[in-house]
Protein backbone atom coordinates (compact mmCIF):
# COMPACT_ATOMS: atom_id res chain seq x y z
CA MET A 1 136.27 124.99 56.07
CA ALA A 2 134.04 125.88 52.93
CA LYS A 3 130.23 125.69 53.68
CA SER A 4 127.95 125.08 51.21
CA THR A 5 124.01 124.59 51.30
CA THR A 6 122.42 121.82 51.42
CA SER A 7 118.23 121.77 51.27
CA VAL A 8 116.15 119.48 53.41
CA VAL A 9 112.55 119.34 53.61
CA ILE A 10 110.76 118.93 57.13
CA LEU A 11 106.64 118.41 57.22
CA GLY A 12 106.52 119.81 53.88
CA SER A 13 108.69 122.83 54.49
CA GLU A 14 112.32 123.34 52.96
CA TYR A 15 114.94 124.57 54.97
CA LYS A 16 118.41 125.48 53.52
CA ILE A 17 121.15 124.31 55.99
CA ALA A 18 124.74 125.51 56.23
CA CYS A 19 127.10 123.08 56.24
CA PRO A 20 130.57 121.74 54.85
CA PRO A 21 130.10 119.54 51.58
CA GLU A 22 131.10 116.40 53.65
CA GLU A 23 128.51 116.70 56.25
CA SER A 24 125.87 117.06 53.44
CA GLU A 25 124.43 113.63 53.50
CA ALA A 26 124.60 113.23 57.33
CA VAL A 27 122.38 116.36 57.30
CA LYS A 28 119.94 115.01 55.06
CA LYS A 29 119.54 111.44 56.75
CA ALA A 30 119.17 113.76 59.84
CA ALA A 31 116.26 115.56 58.50
CA LEU A 32 114.88 112.62 57.18
CA TYR A 33 114.79 110.60 60.40
CA LEU A 34 113.64 114.07 62.16
CA ASP A 35 110.51 114.28 59.61
CA GLU A 36 109.67 110.74 60.30
CA LYS A 37 109.40 111.23 63.95
CA LEU A 38 107.76 114.45 64.01
CA LYS A 39 105.28 112.44 61.30
CA GLU A 40 104.54 109.77 64.15
CA ILE A 41 104.39 112.12 67.03
CA LYS A 42 101.66 114.42 64.99
CA GLU A 43 99.94 111.17 63.27
CA ALA A 44 99.51 109.73 66.64
CA SER A 45 98.15 112.84 68.54
CA ASN A 46 96.04 115.77 68.29
CA LEU A 47 98.88 118.37 69.30
CA ASP A 48 99.80 121.46 67.63
CA THR A 49 103.01 121.49 65.70
CA ASN A 50 105.02 123.42 68.34
CA LYS A 51 104.34 120.59 71.02
CA VAL A 52 104.86 117.79 68.20
CA ALA A 53 108.06 119.21 67.93
CA ILE A 54 108.83 119.65 71.48
CA ILE A 55 107.84 115.87 72.07
CA THR A 56 109.79 114.66 69.08
CA ALA A 57 112.97 116.34 70.42
CA LEU A 58 112.46 115.05 73.67
CA ASN A 59 112.22 111.25 72.42
CA ILE A 60 115.30 111.59 70.49
CA THR A 61 117.37 113.36 73.16
CA ASN A 62 116.35 110.68 75.56
CA GLU A 63 116.97 107.47 72.88
CA TYR A 64 120.47 109.43 72.53
CA LEU A 65 120.94 109.56 76.13
CA LYS A 66 120.02 106.13 76.37
CA ASP A 67 122.48 105.30 73.41
CA SER A 68 125.20 107.38 75.09
CA LEU A 69 125.04 105.75 78.70
CA LYS A 70 125.21 101.91 76.65
CA LYS A 71 128.39 103.17 74.99
CA GLN A 72 129.78 104.38 78.31
CA LYS A 73 128.95 101.10 79.92
CA ILE A 74 130.65 98.87 76.83
CA ASN A 75 133.64 100.85 77.33
CA LEU A 76 133.56 100.61 81.00
CA ASP A 77 133.21 96.73 80.19
CA ALA A 78 136.12 96.86 77.58
CA ASN A 79 138.28 98.45 80.11
CA GLU A 80 137.71 95.96 83.14
CA VAL A 81 138.10 93.10 80.40
CA VAL A 82 141.59 94.52 79.80
CA LYS A 83 142.58 94.99 83.24
CA LEU A 84 141.52 91.42 84.19
CA THR A 85 143.37 90.19 81.02
CA SER A 86 146.62 92.26 82.55
CA GLU A 87 145.96 90.81 85.78
CA VAL A 88 145.70 86.99 84.55
CA LYS A 89 149.05 87.36 82.63
CA ASP A 90 150.70 88.73 85.44
CA HIS A 91 149.32 85.68 87.81
CA ILE A 92 150.42 83.09 85.24
CA LYS A 93 154.02 84.88 84.99
CA SER A 94 154.08 84.47 88.61
CA ILE A 95 153.20 80.65 88.78
CA SER A 96 155.80 80.64 86.05
CA LEU A 97 158.72 81.73 87.95
CA LEU A 98 157.44 79.42 90.75
CA GLU A 99 157.81 76.07 88.77
CA ASP A 100 161.11 77.35 87.47
């Protein structure tokens, strides 16, 4: 897979990120999101840049884990619906057999 370089700016510093060309836009969006979150924490506190980075990373990780848990629950709920649907169909078939 070919790699290209994508330039992003985070907290006023430019970074060149190696990534496949098809991931360039996603990397830019991720950098923009990170930059916004870093600025939010930096403006709301008197923390140095290293602590801002740690707090921001922790917040983003927490958001990610919450979203992952929601998706897992949705998948479990969907699997339960499929299972219940199958059981209902089986019951309908057995009722139909009794009527014949």
